[in-house]
Amino acid sequence: MYLLDYATNLQAKQNNFNFMVSSGSCLDNRLKEDWTAFGDKAFIFEILEALEKKKEQTQDEFIDDLKMLEQLWKENLDSSTRY
């Protein structure tokens, strides 16, 4: 199973995951059932692709690019194993 998501701040997303592991609590409702059943060691945080925000880009434009990239990944990954 995998959870595909995008973030404007990858370090903050990584920190959130690290906090969930260190505290033993799942803050993402999509994962909660499996997190409880299998434990935090069954999960990894992986960055599939990173985009740099261009200087001339607005935050909304950057988010649109991230959403487009997420959609491309969704099309290429097995949707039957997605949370």
C-alpha atoms as a PDB file:
ATOM      1  CA  MET A   1       0.000   0.000   0.000  1.00  0.00           C
ATOM      2  CA  TYR A   2       1.092   3.545  -0.572  1.00  0.00           C
ATOM      3  CA  LEU A   3      -0.102   7.032   0.206  1.00  0.00           C
ATOM      4  CA  LEU A   4       0.674   9.539  -2.512  1.00  0.00           C
ATOM      5  CA  ASP A   5       0.724  13.170  -1.519  1.00  0.00           C
ATOM      6  CA  TYR A   6       2.428  16.438  -2.395  1.00  0.00           C
ATOM      7  CA  ALA A   7       3.892  19.094  -0.148  1.00  0.00           C
ATOM      8  CA  THR A   8       5.199  22.594  -0.652  1.00  0.00           C
ATOM      9  CA  ASN A   9       7.658  21.968   2.184  1.00  0.00           C
ATOM     10  CA  LEU A  10       9.262  18.533   2.016  1.00  0.00           C
ATOM     11  CA  GLN A  11      11.206  18.984   5.241  1.00  0.00           C
ATOM     12  CA  ALA A  12       8.013  19.770   7.153  1.00  0.00           C
ATOM     13  CA  LYS A  13       6.356  16.668   5.672  1.00  0.00           C
ATOM     14  CA  GLN A  14       9.369  14.542   6.659  1.00  0.00           C
ATOM     15  CA  ASN A  15       9.320  16.047  10.169  1.00  0.00           C
ATOM     16  CA  ASN A  16       5.619  15.205  10.479  1.00  0.00           C
ATOM     17  CA  PHE A  17       6.316  11.582   9.540  1.00  0.00           C
ATOM     18  CA  ASN A  18       9.281  11.412  11.935  1.00  0.00           C
ATOM     19  CA  PHE A  19       7.074  12.753  14.729  1.00  0.00           C
ATOM     20  CA  MET A  20       4.441  10.100  14.017  1.00  0.00           C
ATOM     21  CA  VAL A  21       7.094   7.383  14.234  1.00  0.00           C
ATOM     22  CA  SER A  22       8.749   8.765  17.385  1.00  0.00           C
ATOM     23  CA  SER A  23       5.439   9.294  19.168  1.00  0.00           C
ATOM     24  CA  GLY A  24       3.890   6.042  17.940  1.00  0.00           C
ATOM     25  CA  SER A  25       0.770   7.868  16.861  1.00  0.00           C
ATOM     26  CA  CYS A  26      -0.624   8.238  13.379  1.00  0.00           C
ATOM     27  CA  LEU A  27      -1.831  11.715  12.479  1.00  0.00           C
ATOM     28  CA  ASP A  28      -3.125  10.733   9.046  1.00  0.00           C
ATOM     29  CA  ASN A  29      -6.573   9.158   9.138  1.00  0.00           C
ATOM     30  CA  ARG A  30      -5.960   7.373   5.837  1.00  0.00           C
ATOM     31  CA  LEU A  31      -3.190   5.316   7.456  1.00  0.00           C
ATOM     32  CA  LYS A  32      -4.581   4.942  10.966  1.00  0.00           C
ATOM     33  CA  GLU A  33      -6.014   1.414  10.672  1.00  0.00           C
ATOM     34  CA  ASP A  34      -2.869  -0.094   9.148  1.00  0.00           C
ATOM     35  CA  TRP A  35      -0.629   1.993  11.422  1.00  0.00           C
ATOM     36  CA  THR A  36      -2.364   0.419  14.421  1.00  0.00           C
ATOM     37  CA  ALA A  37      -2.326  -3.086  12.941  1.00  0.00           C
ATOM     38  CA  PHE A  38       1.266  -3.151  11.650  1.00  0.00           C
ATOM     39  CA  GLY A  39       3.057  -0.479  13.694  1.00  0.00           C
ATOM     40  CA  ASP A  40       5.125   2.481  12.645  1.00  0.00           C
ATOM     41  CA  LYS A  41       8.085   0.356  11.481  1.00  0.00           C
ATOM     42  CA  ALA A  42       5.971  -0.947   8.586  1.00  0.00           C
ATOM     43  CA  PHE A  43       5.965   2.525   6.992  1.00  0.00           C
ATOM     44  CA  ILE A  44       8.609   4.524   5.179  1.00  0.00           C
ATOM     45  CA  PHE A  45       8.691   8.087   3.930  1.00  0.00           C
ATOM     46  CA  GLU A  46       9.951   8.359   0.381  1.00  0.00           C
ATOM     47  CA  ILE A  47      10.240  11.381  -1.875  1.00  0.00           C
ATOM     48  CA  LEU A  48       9.458  10.248  -5.397  1.00  0.00           C
ATOM     49  CA  GLU A  49      10.239  13.529  -7.082  1.00  0.00           C
ATOM     50  CA  ALA A  50      11.013  17.068  -5.975  1.00  0.00           C
ATOM     51  CA  LEU A  51      10.254  20.377  -7.649  1.00  0.00           C
ATOM     52  CA  GLU A  52      11.931  23.669  -6.879  1.00  0.00           C
ATOM     53  CA  LYS A  53       9.696  26.717  -6.762  1.00  0.00           C
ATOM     54  CA  LYS A  54      10.826  29.121  -9.452  1.00  0.00           C
ATOM     55  CA  LYS A  55      11.487  32.715  -8.425  1.00  0.00           C
ATOM     56  CA  GLU A  56       8.870  34.035 -10.841  1.00  0.00           C
ATOM     57  CA  GLN A  57       6.260  31.483  -9.744  1.00  0.00           C
ATOM     58  CA  THR A  58       3.450  32.350  -7.384  1.00  0.00           C
ATOM     59  CA  GLN A  59       2.630  29.915  -4.584  1.00  0.00           C
ATOM     60  CA  ASP A  60      -0.600  28.984  -6.377  1.00  0.00           C
ATOM     61  CA  GLU A  61       1.292  28.241  -9.593  1.00  0.00           C
ATOM     62  CA  PHE A  62       3.768  26.104  -7.661  1.00  0.00           C
ATOM     63  CA  ILE A  63       0.931  24.158  -6.032  1.00  0.00           C
ATOM     64  CA  ASP A  64      -0.668  23.654  -9.453  1.00  0.00           C
ATOM     65  CA  ASP A  65       2.627  22.174 -10.698  1.00  0.00           C
ATOM     66  CA  LEU A  66       2.793  19.875  -7.663  1.00  0.00           C
ATOM     67  CA  LYS A  67      -0.776  18.721  -8.253  1.00  0.00           C
ATOM     68  CA  MET A  68       0.023  18.017 -11.897  1.00  0.00           C
ATOM     69  CA  LEU A  69       3.072  15.990 -10.880  1.00  0.00           C
ATOM     70  CA  GLU A  70       0.970  14.075  -8.344  1.00  0.00           C
ATOM     71  CA  GLN A  71      -1.545  13.273 -11.087  1.00  0.00           C
ATOM     72  CA  LEU A  72       1.213  11.940 -13.337  1.00  0.00           C
ATOM     73  CA  TRP A  73       2.386   9.647 -10.528  1.00  0.00           C
ATOM     74  CA  LYS A  74      -1.181   8.473  -9.911  1.00  0.00           C
ATOM     75  CA  GLU A  75      -1.495   7.498 -13.550  1.00  0.00           C
ATOM     76  CA  ASN A  76       1.701   5.433 -13.381  1.00  0.00           C
ATOM     77  CA  LEU A  77       1.183   3.667 -10.047  1.00  0.00           C
ATOM     78  CA  ASP A  78      -1.204   0.830  -9.252  1.00  0.00           C
ATOM     79  CA  SER A  79      -4.352   2.510  -7.946  1.00  0.00           C
ATOM     80  CA  SER A  80      -5.555  -0.714  -6.300  1.00  0.00           C
ATOM     81  CA  THR A  81      -2.842  -0.378  -3.637  1.00  0.00           C
ATOM     82  CA  ARG A  82      -3.358   3.324  -2.900  1.00  0.00           C
ATOM     83  CA  TYR A  83      -4.800   4.568   0.403  1.00  0.00           C
END
